[in-house]
Amino acid sequence: MKRRQFLHNTGTALSIPVLLNGMPLSAISRSQFFPSFNDDSDKVLVLVQLNGGNDGLSMVIPRDQYSELFKARSNVLIPENAIVPITDKVGFHPVMTGLRSLYDKGQLGIVQSVGYPNQNRSHFRSSDIWFSGSPADEFWTTGWLGRYLDTQYTDYPEGYPNPEYPHPFAITIGNVVSETCQGAAANYCLTITDPFALSPLYEGSPTDVPDTPYGEELAFLRTTILQTNAYGEEVTAAAEKAKNLAEYPEDNGLAQQLKTVALLIAGGLRTNIYVVNIGGFDTHANQVVEGDKTTGEHSQLLRAVSEAVSAFQEDLTLLGIEERVAGMTFSEFGRQIASNDSFGTDHGTAAPLFVFGSCVNPAVTGDNPDIPDQVERGEGVPMQYDFRDVYGSILMDWFEVSQNDIKTLFYPGFTYLPVLNACKPVATRPEVWKEDLLLNNYPNPFTSETTIRFTHPGGHVRLSIFNTLGSELQVLVNKQLTAGEHSVPFYGGHLPAGNYYYRLQVGNTAKTMRMSKI
């Protein structure tokens, strides 16, 4: 049996590290830029996976685009007067009162239209891309956090746990280990369902193993069993030392997972990464109830997320550990702009995500998506921010990783985004440019040629063209430019008529605009 298959078959209690042919990491060495997890860092990152592809347009609603949205999705769009205002342009679904309260307290940030170039709309492949932080056309066998941990613990899992690192580096609450924490040689995640019911695995009798592939697998399994049993003892001990102080809804599975996370942090477990998840977001049908569009399957999911995260944040505050914890939601893709005839939505491209905690940037980062008057078949929300930029920015601000090392872990074009306001200043935070890019094109609509104009403060500029499915068709500019106004021609005579998007990224600012060919 392959180790990866063994992992998934035995993930109901505790995870099994997996030996994979991960991407080469020889060029990345542990250095002063990588502060150690688990020993001298008390920061905790909580990832909340919205499994199935969340409909961001029903969660963070562009109020200024309501009339266009109504034309495209009238059978699933909630009434305009039911939207809970966040800003003059953005609102929440009415069931999200808990998250609205966090936003008012400065404990919630929103990042608009997060995705990646050349969006893959398969659940499995797109999830792999989000787990690994890879480009859409490359297959990486390590997770983005697993690669980072590999830079610090090059000999893992051999010799762990030990007196210096007695606790697991990452924990998944649930039944399946998270690929986010897959390293080149092992997965750093321990998977648990109940910290008070961790039955030790049978270790067997110590005997010599043969010098064969079978012997290698047997030795691996023995090491894994010893490791998981030792980690399990530390998890249970931490859970027994603490008590939750906030009320969590009993019928909310995500809330109960986050309740466990808060308990373990408060109990002194020095684990820096937790992964929780909630499924059901693949809402092809019955996303809403026909007679009341504020109700239905999606509203139930949004209510669960809102109540779970708000209870978790309240618990952290009551426990006095709120400045140690930051969280982020993510989903493998958004949904299409237009709804279908089954009162649902189909696989799309980009969607908003949340960051939450006492040390986040409590703002809406980015612009509302531009909803066309005539939505094309299959059209999704265009990407404004690359998800790898969100990942890398969190590593920079929360775990003080240098920008150069982030580029090595993800991609050379990494761009810092101020999604966190680390409660204590960090040396890695680069300067943020806050002015508008003043991006437009003329003529629009166009027949064969249009000119894209923009202003910027100087530095590296990337300007590219996307179609409505999220495919990057052409890169027009990818180089250093001087400050000021610039004009770039785009020749689109070979393209079929329809909607297209151009995306400009300058420093830590990105903007996406729509143009039409007739």
Protein backbone atom coordinates (compact mmCIF):
# COMPACT_ATOMS: atom_id res chain seq x y z
CA MET A 1 0.00 0.00 0.00
CA LYS A 2 1.36 3.45 -0.90
CA ARG A 3 2.03 5.78 2.03
CA ARG A 4 -0.23 8.51 0.65
CA GLN A 5 -3.10 5.99 0.44
CA PHE A 6 -2.24 4.71 3.91
CA LEU A 7 -2.53 8.26 5.25
CA HIS A 8 -6.07 8.73 3.99
CA ASN A 9 -7.18 5.28 5.09
CA THR A 10 -6.03 5.84 8.68
CA GLY A 11 -6.86 9.49 9.22
CA THR A 12 -9.83 9.00 11.55
CA ALA A 13 -7.86 9.43 14.74
CA LEU A 14 -4.34 10.74 14.20
CA SER A 15 -2.43 11.59 11.06
CA ILE A 16 0.38 9.55 9.58
CA PRO A 17 3.30 11.47 8.03
CA VAL A 18 3.73 10.66 4.35
CA LEU A 19 6.93 10.27 2.37
CA LEU A 20 6.52 11.97 -1.01
CA ASN A 21 8.76 13.22 -3.77
CA GLY A 22 8.33 16.87 -2.85
CA MET A 23 9.70 19.81 -4.78
CA PRO A 24 13.47 20.34 -4.30
CA LEU A 25 14.23 22.47 -1.25
CA SER A 26 18.02 22.28 -1.30
CA ALA A 27 18.22 25.92 -2.32
CA ILE A 28 16.35 27.00 0.81
CA SER A 29 18.34 26.81 4.00
CA ARG A 30 17.25 27.60 7.52
CA SER A 31 18.56 31.05 8.33
CA GLN A 32 18.03 34.09 10.47
CA PHE A 33 15.02 34.88 8.28
CA PHE A 34 13.16 31.81 9.52
CA PRO A 35 12.26 32.12 13.21
CA SER A 36 11.49 28.69 14.62
CA PHE A 37 7.94 27.57 15.17
CA ASN A 38 6.95 25.72 18.29
CA ASP A 39 9.77 26.94 20.53
CA ASP A 40 10.15 30.72 20.44
CA SER A 41 7.01 31.77 18.54
CA ASP A 42 3.65 31.92 20.28
CA LYS A 43 1.77 33.04 17.17
CA VAL A 44 -1.02 30.78 15.92
CA LEU A 45 -2.54 30.67 12.44
CA VAL A 46 -5.98 29.09 11.97
CA LEU A 47 -7.11 28.13 8.45
CA VAL A 48 -10.85 27.69 7.84
CA GLN A 49 -11.56 25.78 4.64
CA LEU A 50 -14.96 26.36 3.02
CA ASN A 51 -15.08 23.11 1.11
CA GLY A 52 -16.95 22.95 -2.21
CA GLY A 53 -16.49 26.41 -3.74
CA ASN A 54 -18.12 29.28 -1.87
CA ASP A 55 -20.43 31.73 -3.65
CA GLY A 56 -18.69 34.96 -2.71
CA LEU A 57 -21.29 37.13 -4.46
CA SER A 58 -23.90 35.95 -1.95
CA MET A 59 -21.55 36.39 1.02
CA VAL A 60 -19.88 39.76 0.34
CA ILE A 61 -22.39 41.53 -1.88
CA PRO A 62 -21.33 44.41 -4.16
CA ARG A 63 -24.14 46.83 -3.33
CA ASP A 64 -23.11 49.21 -6.09
CA GLN A 65 -23.60 46.40 -8.63
CA TYR A 66 -26.99 45.23 -7.40
CA SER A 67 -28.99 46.00 -10.55
CA GLU A 68 -26.47 44.10 -12.72
CA LEU A 69 -26.45 41.19 -10.26
CA PHE A 70 -30.23 41.04 -10.31
CA LYS A 71 -30.21 40.60 -14.09
CA ALA A 72 -27.72 37.74 -13.81
CA ARG A 73 -28.97 35.88 -10.72
CA SER A 74 -32.45 37.07 -9.84
CA ASN A 75 -33.51 33.63 -8.58
CA VAL A 76 -30.78 33.45 -5.90
CA LEU A 77 -30.03 37.10 -5.07
CA ILE A 78 -31.35 38.29 -1.70
CA PRO A 79 -33.55 41.42 -1.66
CA GLU A 80 -31.58 44.64 -1.69
CA ASN A 81 -33.18 45.85 1.54
CA ALA A 82 -32.04 42.66 3.33
CA ILE A 83 -28.33 43.30 2.75
CA VAL A 84 -26.41 44.24 5.90
CA PRO A 85 -24.27 47.28 4.97
CA ILE A 86 -20.53 47.16 5.65
CA THR A 87 -19.51 50.18 3.58
CA ASP A 88 -21.38 52.31 1.09
CA LYS A 89 -20.44 49.77 -1.59
CA VAL A 90 -20.24 46.42 0.24
CA GLY A 91 -22.69 44.42 2.34
CA PHE A 92 -23.08 41.05 4.05
CA HIS A 93 -25.74 38.37 3.81
CA PRO A 94 -28.21 39.07 6.66
CA VAL A 95 -27.37 35.85 8.55
CA MET A 96 -23.77 37.03 9.08
CA THR A 97 -24.43 39.18 12.14
CA GLY A 98 -21.55 37.65 14.06
CA LEU A 99 -18.99 38.54 11.39
CA ARG A 100 -20.54 41.99 11.04
CA SER A 101 -19.95 42.50 14.75
CA LEU A 102 -16.30 41.46 14.36
CA TYR A 103 -15.91 43.94 11.49
CA ASP A 104 -17.33 46.71 13.67
CA LYS A 105 -14.83 45.79 16.39
CA GLY A 106 -11.90 45.93 13.98
CA GLN A 107 -11.40 42.14 14.08
CA LEU A 108 -12.33 41.23 10.51
CA GLY A 109 -10.79 42.06 7.15
CA ILE A 110 -12.10 41.27 3.67
CA VAL A 111 -9.90 40.61 0.62
CA GLN A 112 -11.85 40.92 -2.61
CA SER A 113 -11.72 38.60 -5.65
CA VAL A 114 -8.96 36.20 -4.60
CA GLY A 115 -7.95 33.49 -7.05
CA TYR A 116 -5.12 32.56 -9.40
CA PRO A 117 -4.34 32.86 -13.13
CA ASN A 118 -5.79 30.13 -15.36
CA GLN A 119 -8.41 29.01 -12.87
CA ASN A 120 -9.11 25.28 -12.77
CA ARG A 121 -12.75 24.60 -11.91
CA SER A 122 -12.25 21.02 -10.74
CA HIS A 123 -12.75 20.60 -7.00
CA PHE A 124 -9.81 18.24 -6.68
CA ARG A 125 -7.29 20.06 -8.84
CA SER A 126 -8.19 23.53 -7.60
CA SER A 127 -8.00 22.34 -3.99
CA ASP A 128 -4.53 20.93 -4.72
CA ILE A 129 -3.48 24.32 -6.08
CA TRP A 130 -4.73 26.13 -2.98
CA PHE A 131 -3.11 23.54 -0.68
CA SER A 132 0.25 23.64 -2.44
CA GLY A 133 0.46 27.27 -3.54
CA SER A 134 1.53 26.09 -6.99
CA PRO A 135 0.87 27.64 -10.40
CA ALA A 136 -2.18 26.19 -12.13
CA ASP A 137 -0.05 24.32 -14.69
CA GLU A 138 2.40 22.74 -12.24
CA PHE A 139 1.90 19.80 -9.89
CA TRP A 140 3.67 20.25 -6.54
CA THR A 141 3.60 17.49 -3.95
CA THR A 142 4.23 19.75 -0.96
CA GLY A 143 1.84 22.10 0.81
CA TRP A 144 2.64 25.79 1.21
CA LEU A 145 3.01 25.51 4.99
CA GLY A 146 4.77 22.15 4.69
CA ARG A 147 7.43 23.76 2.49
CA TYR A 148 7.91 26.51 5.02
CA LEU A 149 8.27 24.05 7.87
CA ASP A 150 10.78 22.06 5.80
CA THR A 151 13.08 25.09 5.83
CA GLN A 152 13.27 24.85 9.60
CA TYR A 153 13.13 21.15 10.40
CA THR A 154 15.11 19.50 7.60
CA ASP A 155 15.35 16.15 9.41
CA TYR A 156 11.64 15.83 10.26
CA PRO A 157 10.08 13.36 11.11
CA GLU A 158 13.22 11.58 12.39
CA GLY A 159 13.85 12.40 16.04
CA TYR A 160 10.50 14.11 16.71
CA PRO A 161 8.99 14.79 19.14
CA ASN A 162 11.92 15.64 21.40
CA PRO A 163 12.53 17.75 24.52
CA GLU A 164 13.05 20.89 22.42
CA TYR A 165 9.98 20.29 20.22
CA PRO A 166 7.54 18.16 22.24
CA HIS A 167 4.35 19.36 20.54
CA PRO A 168 2.97 18.85 17.02
CA PHE A 169 3.79 21.63 14.59
CA ALA A 170 0.32 21.59 13.03
CA ILE A 171 -3.06 20.05 13.79
CA THR A 172 -6.05 19.29 11.59
CA ILE A 173 -9.36 19.03 13.41
CA GLY A 174 -11.36 16.39 11.55
CA ASN A 175 -10.98 13.04 9.86
CA VAL A 176 -8.55 13.79 7.00
CA VAL A 177 -5.06 15.19 7.28
CA SER A 178 -4.55 18.55 5.53
CA GLU A 179 -2.30 18.58 2.46
CA THR A 180 -1.50 22.20 3.34
CA CYS A 181 1.10 20.92 5.79
CA GLN A 182 2.63 18.24 3.55
CA GLY A 183 6.42 18.55 3.53
CA ALA A 184 8.92 16.91 1.23
CA ALA A 185 9.40 13.92 3.55
CA ALA A 186 6.38 13.96 5.87
CA ASN A 187 3.14 15.73 6.74
CA TYR A 188 3.49 18.00 9.74
CA CYS A 189 -0.21 17.80 10.65
CA LEU A 190 -1.59 15.65 13.41
CA THR A 191 -5.27 14.87 12.77
CA ILE A 192 -7.61 14.65 15.75
CA THR A 193 -11.35 14.65 16.30
CA ASP A 194 -11.56 14.71 20.11
CA PRO A 195 -8.51 15.62 22.23
CA PHE A 196 -9.99 13.69 25.17
CA ALA A 197 -10.37 10.43 23.23
CA LEU A 198 -6.99 9.77 21.67
CA SER A 199 -6.51 6.05 22.09
CA PRO A 200 -2.84 5.08 21.69
CA LEU A 201 -1.94 3.01 18.66
CA TYR A 202 -0.47 -0.46 19.22
CA GLU A 203 3.32 -0.19 18.98
CA GLY A 204 4.16 -3.89 18.66
CA SER A 205 7.35 -5.62 19.72
CA PRO A 206 10.72 -4.10 18.78
CA THR A 207 12.48 -6.38 16.29
CA ASP A 208 15.05 -5.91 13.57
CA VAL A 209 13.66 -4.96 10.18
CA PRO A 210 14.97 -6.47 6.95
CA ASP A 211 17.01 -4.37 4.55
CA THR A 212 14.27 -4.45 1.91
CA PRO A 213 11.52 -2.11 0.67
CA TYR A 214 9.19 -3.92 3.06
CA GLY A 215 11.59 -3.24 5.92
CA GLU A 216 11.73 0.43 5.00
CA GLU A 217 7.94 0.66 5.10
CA LEU A 218 7.81 -1.19 8.41
CA ALA A 219 10.37 1.14 9.97
CA PHE A 220 8.41 4.13 8.71
CA LEU A 221 5.22 2.79 10.24
CA ARG A 222 6.87 2.11 13.59
CA THR A 223 8.34 5.62 13.72
CA THR A 224 4.94 7.06 12.87
CA ILE A 225 3.12 5.11 15.58
CA LEU A 226 5.63 6.16 18.23
CA GLN A 227 5.41 9.77 17.10
CA THR A 228 1.61 9.95 17.02
CA ASN A 229 1.30 8.33 20.45
CA ALA A 230 3.76 10.81 21.96
CA TYR A 231 2.05 13.78 20.33
CA GLY A 232 -1.34 12.48 21.41
CA GLU A 233 -0.29 12.51 25.05
CA GLU A 234 0.74 16.18 24.78
CA VAL A 235 -2.55 17.12 23.09
CA THR A 236 -4.67 15.48 25.78
CA ALA A 237 -2.58 17.02 28.55
CA ALA A 238 -3.09 20.50 27.07
CA ALA A 239 -6.83 20.00 26.69
CA GLU A 240 -7.13 18.95 30.34
CA LYS A 241 -5.40 22.12 31.54
CA ALA A 242 -7.87 24.65 30.10
CA LYS A 243 -11.55 25.50 29.85
CA ASN A 244 -13.48 27.37 27.18
CA LEU A 245 -15.10 30.58 28.42
CA ALA A 246 -17.42 31.41 25.52
CA GLU A 247 -20.64 29.69 24.45
CA TYR A 248 -20.39 27.73 21.19
CA PRO A 249 -23.48 26.54 19.26
CA GLU A 250 -23.80 22.80 19.83
CA ASP A 251 -25.28 22.01 16.41
CA ASN A 252 -22.46 23.75 14.55
CA GLY A 253 -19.63 21.40 13.53
CA LEU A 254 -17.25 24.21 12.61
CA ALA A 255 -17.86 25.91 15.94
CA GLN A 256 -17.02 22.70 17.80
CA GLN A 257 -13.77 22.39 15.82
CA LEU A 258 -12.80 25.96 16.71
CA LYS A 259 -13.78 25.32 20.32
CA THR A 260 -11.16 22.56 20.39
CA VAL A 261 -8.57 24.89 18.84
CA ALA A 262 -9.18 27.56 21.50
CA LEU A 263 -8.98 24.93 24.25
CA LEU A 264 -5.62 23.59 23.07
CA ILE A 265 -4.10 27.05 22.67
CA ALA A 266 -5.27 28.07 26.12
CA GLY A 267 -3.97 24.78 27.54
CA GLY A 268 -0.43 25.63 26.48
CA LEU A 269 -0.02 23.47 23.39
CA ARG A 270 2.72 25.13 21.34
CA THR A 271 1.23 24.26 17.98
CA ASN A 272 1.39 27.13 15.51
CA ILE A 273 -0.97 25.96 12.77
CA TYR A 274 -4.54 24.64 12.96
CA VAL A 275 -6.74 23.62 10.03
CA VAL A 276 -10.52 23.30 10.34
CA ASN A 277 -13.15 22.89 7.65
CA ILE A 278 -16.83 23.04 6.81
CA GLY A 279 -18.30 21.38 3.73
CA GLY A 280 -21.40 21.80 1.61
CA PHE A 281 -20.52 24.88 -0.45
CA ASP A 282 -20.97 23.13 -3.81
CA THR A 283 -24.41 24.70 -4.19
CA HIS A 284 -25.45 23.74 -7.73
CA ALA A 285 -29.06 23.48 -6.58
CA ASN A 286 -31.26 24.73 -3.74
CA GLN A 287 -28.78 27.41 -2.77
CA VAL A 288 -31.83 29.43 -1.72
CA VAL A 289 -35.47 28.67 -0.96
CA GLU A 290 -37.66 29.90 -3.79
CA GLY A 291 -40.11 31.74 -1.56
CA ASP A 292 -37.48 33.37 0.65
CA LYS A 293 -34.06 33.96 -0.90
CA THR A 294 -32.52 34.88 2.44
CA THR A 295 -32.90 31.21 3.45
CA GLY A 296 -31.59 27.96 2.00
CA GLU A 297 -28.48 25.81 2.06
CA HIS A 298 -26.00 28.61 1.47
CA SER A 299 -27.48 30.86 4.13
CA GLN A 300 -27.25 28.00 6.63
CA LEU A 301 -23.56 27.59 5.81
CA LEU A 302 -22.88 31.32 6.08
CA ARG A 303 -24.68 31.43 9.42
CA ALA A 304 -22.58 28.51 10.66
CA VAL A 305 -19.33 30.21 9.63
CA SER A 306 -20.39 33.53 11.13
CA GLU A 307 -21.50 32.06 14.45
CA ALA A 308 -18.46 29.77 14.71
CA VAL A 309 -15.83 32.43 14.01
CA SER A 310 -17.49 35.04 16.25
CA ALA A 311 -17.77 32.56 19.16
CA PHE A 312 -14.12 31.59 18.64
CA GLN A 313 -12.98 35.21 18.68
CA GLU A 314 -15.01 35.89 21.83
CA ASP A 315 -13.44 32.86 23.50
CA LEU A 316 -9.93 34.02 22.59
CA THR A 317 -10.68 37.43 24.10
CA LEU A 318 -12.08 35.98 27.33
CA LEU A 319 -9.08 33.66 27.59
CA GLY A 320 -6.70 36.60 27.11
CA ILE A 321 -4.98 35.11 24.06
CA GLU A 322 -6.65 37.05 21.24
CA GLU A 323 -3.44 38.79 20.12
CA ARG A 324 -1.74 35.44 19.57
CA VAL A 325 -4.20 34.14 16.99
CA ALA A 326 -5.00 35.11 13.39
CA GLY A 327 -7.37 33.25 11.09
CA MET A 328 -8.19 33.06 7.40
CA THR A 329 -10.99 31.49 5.36
CA PHE A 330 -10.43 29.99 1.92
CA SER A 331 -12.31 27.99 -0.71
CA GLU A 332 -11.10 26.29 -3.88
CA PHE A 333 -13.02 28.69 -6.15
CA GLY A 334 -15.99 31.02 -6.27
CA ARG A 335 -19.20 30.51 -8.25
CA GLN A 336 -20.26 31.86 -11.62
CA ILE A 337 -21.85 35.30 -11.78
CA ALA A 338 -25.08 34.05 -13.34
CA SER A 339 -27.21 31.56 -11.45
CA ASN A 340 -28.65 28.38 -12.97
CA ASP A 341 -32.26 27.23 -13.28
CA SER A 342 -32.01 25.02 -10.16
CA PHE A 343 -31.79 27.98 -7.77
CA GLY A 344 -28.06 27.43 -7.52
CA THR A 345 -24.73 28.49 -8.96
CA ASP A 346 -21.99 26.61 -10.80
CA HIS A 347 -18.20 26.48 -10.50
CA GLY A 348 -16.55 29.84 -11.07
CA THR A 349 -13.28 31.63 -10.47
CA ALA A 350 -12.36 34.19 -7.80
CA ALA A 351 -14.13 34.97 -4.52
CA PRO A 352 -13.54 37.06 -1.38
CA LEU A 353 -11.89 35.64 1.71
CA PHE A 354 -11.85 36.76 5.33
CA VAL A 355 -8.99 37.32 7.74
CA PHE A 356 -9.99 37.54 11.37
CA GLY A 357 -8.45 38.28 14.75
CA SER A 358 -7.39 41.22 16.89
CA CYS A 359 -4.33 41.88 14.73
CA VAL A 360 -5.87 42.06 11.24
CA ASN A 361 -6.27 44.98 8.88
CA PRO A 362 -9.99 45.67 9.49
CA ALA A 363 -10.76 46.92 6.00
CA VAL A 364 -12.03 45.87 2.60
CA THR A 365 -8.93 45.27 0.48
CA GLY A 366 -9.66 45.72 -3.20
CA ASP A 367 -12.55 46.82 -5.38
CA ASN A 368 -15.93 45.23 -5.93
CA PRO A 369 -16.03 42.99 -9.00
CA ASP A 370 -17.33 44.75 -12.08
CA ILE A 371 -20.51 42.92 -13.06
CA PRO A 372 -21.30 43.28 -16.80
CA ASP A 373 -24.74 44.20 -18.04
CA GLN A 374 -24.67 41.07 -20.20
CA VAL A 375 -23.01 38.16 -18.38
CA GLU A 376 -21.55 35.51 -20.66
CA ARG A 377 -22.19 31.82 -20.19
CA GLY A 378 -19.77 30.40 -17.62
CA GLU A 379 -18.43 33.83 -16.67
CA GLY A 380 -16.84 34.02 -13.23
CA VAL A 381 -15.65 36.83 -11.01
CA PRO A 382 -12.24 37.95 -12.37
CA MET A 383 -9.20 37.65 -10.13
CA GLN A 384 -7.94 40.82 -8.48
CA TYR A 385 -5.54 39.31 -5.92
CA ASP A 386 -3.45 36.15 -6.24
CA PHE A 387 -4.06 33.81 -3.30
CA ARG A 388 -0.30 33.21 -3.02
CA ASP A 389 0.13 36.89 -2.22
CA VAL A 390 -2.30 36.50 0.68
CA TYR A 391 -0.45 33.40 1.93
CA GLY A 392 2.96 35.02 1.69
CA SER A 393 1.83 38.26 3.30
CA ILE A 394 0.48 36.36 6.30
CA LEU A 395 3.80 34.51 6.66
CA MET A 396 5.63 37.85 6.50
CA ASP A 397 3.48 39.69 9.02
CA TRP A 398 2.64 36.83 11.37
CA PHE A 399 5.79 34.71 11.35
CA GLU A 400 8.28 37.39 10.18
CA VAL A 401 9.51 35.62 7.07
CA SER A 402 11.52 37.82 4.71
CA GLN A 403 10.08 38.88 1.38
CA ASN A 404 12.93 37.24 -0.54
CA ASP A 405 12.30 33.92 1.19
CA ILE A 406 8.59 34.20 0.42
CA LYS A 407 9.44 34.56 -3.27
CA THR A 408 11.47 31.35 -3.04
CA LEU A 409 8.65 29.48 -1.31
CA PHE A 410 5.93 30.66 -3.74
CA TYR A 411 6.87 32.52 -6.92
CA PRO A 412 9.18 35.35 -8.01
CA GLY A 413 6.28 37.71 -8.68
CA PHE A 414 5.05 37.66 -5.06
CA THR A 415 3.47 40.95 -3.99
CA TYR A 416 2.97 41.94 -0.37
CA LEU A 417 -0.58 42.78 0.78
CA PRO A 418 -1.31 44.48 4.13
CA VAL A 419 -3.96 41.99 5.27
CA LEU A 420 -2.67 41.91 8.86
CA ASN A 421 -1.80 44.70 11.25
CA ALA A 422 0.47 42.63 13.49
CA CYS A 423 -0.20 43.95 16.99
CA LYS A 424 3.53 44.33 17.42
CA PRO A 425 5.57 45.98 14.63
CA VAL A 426 7.48 43.55 12.43
CA ALA A 427 10.64 44.27 10.48
CA THR A 428 9.44 42.46 7.36
CA ARG A 429 6.56 44.81 6.51
CA PRO A 430 7.35 46.72 3.30
CA GLU A 431 6.03 50.15 2.42
CA VAL A 432 2.45 50.17 1.12
CA TRP A 433 1.44 52.38 -1.78
CA LYS A 434 -2.12 53.61 -1.22
CA GLU A 435 -2.88 55.76 -4.26
CA ASP A 436 -5.27 54.83 -7.06
CA LEU A 437 -3.83 53.35 -10.24
CA LEU A 438 -6.25 55.37 -12.44
CA LEU A 439 -6.71 52.47 -14.84
CA ASN A 440 -8.93 52.65 -17.95
CA ASN A 441 -9.03 51.80 -21.64
CA TYR A 442 -10.31 53.52 -24.79
CA PRO A 443 -12.24 52.77 -26.88
CA ASN A 444 -14.46 50.48 -24.84
CA PRO A 445 -16.19 48.58 -26.42
CA PHE A 446 -13.58 48.01 -29.13
CA THR A 447 -13.55 46.12 -32.41
CA SER A 448 -9.90 45.21 -32.97
CA GLU A 449 -7.69 47.51 -30.89
CA THR A 450 -7.89 49.45 -27.64
CA THR A 451 -5.39 51.39 -25.54
CA ILE A 452 -4.99 50.71 -21.81
CA ARG A 453 -3.89 53.73 -19.80
CA PHE A 454 -2.67 53.84 -16.20
CA THR A 455 -0.61 55.87 -13.75
CA HIS A 456 1.73 54.43 -11.15
CA PRO A 457 4.53 55.51 -8.76
CA GLY A 458 7.34 53.65 -10.49
CA GLY A 459 8.61 50.10 -10.10
CA HIS A 460 7.65 46.69 -11.45
CA VAL A 461 4.43 46.56 -13.46
CA ARG A 462 2.49 43.52 -14.67
CA LEU A 463 -0.42 44.06 -17.05
CA SER A 464 -2.27 41.06 -18.47
CA ILE A 465 -5.48 40.12 -20.27
CA PHE A 466 -7.98 37.50 -19.01
CA ASN A 467 -11.08 35.92 -20.49
CA THR A 468 -14.31 35.31 -18.56
CA LEU A 469 -13.23 31.79 -17.52
CA GLY A 470 -10.17 33.13 -15.68
CA SER A 471 -7.55 32.17 -18.29
CA GLU A 472 -4.66 34.57 -18.72
CA LEU A 473 -4.55 35.19 -22.49
CA GLN A 474 -1.65 37.60 -22.80
CA VAL A 475 0.88 39.46 -20.67
CA LEU A 476 1.27 42.96 -22.10
CA VAL A 477 3.79 44.35 -19.59
CA ASN A 478 6.01 42.59 -17.06
CA LYS A 479 8.93 44.89 -16.25
CA GLN A 480 10.15 47.97 -14.42
CA LEU A 481 8.57 51.24 -15.54
CA THR A 482 9.23 54.83 -14.55
CA ALA A 483 6.64 56.73 -12.52
CA GLY A 484 3.87 58.58 -14.35
CA GLU A 485 1.28 57.93 -17.04
CA HIS A 486 1.62 55.04 -19.46
CA SER A 487 -0.33 53.82 -22.49
CA VAL A 488 -0.22 50.23 -23.76
CA PRO A 489 -2.00 49.11 -26.94
CA PHE A 490 -3.89 45.82 -26.98
CA TYR A 491 -4.61 44.15 -30.30
CA GLY A 492 -7.60 41.84 -29.93
CA GLY A 493 -8.78 41.42 -33.49
CA HIS A 494 -8.25 37.65 -33.32
CA LEU A 495 -10.50 37.22 -30.29
CA PRO A 496 -14.22 36.44 -30.46
CA ALA A 497 -16.65 39.13 -29.36
CA GLY A 498 -17.41 39.20 -25.66
CA ASN A 499 -16.23 40.38 -22.25
CA TYR A 500 -12.54 40.48 -21.31
CA TYR A 501 -10.63 41.74 -18.29
CA TYR A 502 -7.31 43.47 -17.90
CA ARG A 503 -5.44 43.26 -14.60
CA LEU A 504 -2.76 45.71 -13.50
CA GLN A 505 -0.46 44.94 -10.60
CA VAL A 506 1.93 47.61 -9.34
CA GLY A 507 3.72 46.98 -6.06
CA ASN A 508 1.12 45.88 -3.52
CA THR A 509 -1.79 47.36 -5.47
CA ALA A 510 -3.85 45.44 -8.02
CA LYS A 511 -6.84 46.48 -10.08
CA THR A 512 -9.01 44.55 -12.55
CA MET A 513 -11.21 46.24 -15.15
CA ARG A 514 -13.65 44.98 -17.76
CA MET A 515 -13.64 45.71 -21.48
CA SER A 516 -15.83 44.41 -24.28
CA LYS A 517 -15.09 43.44 -27.85
CA ILE A 518 -17.85 43.85 -30.39
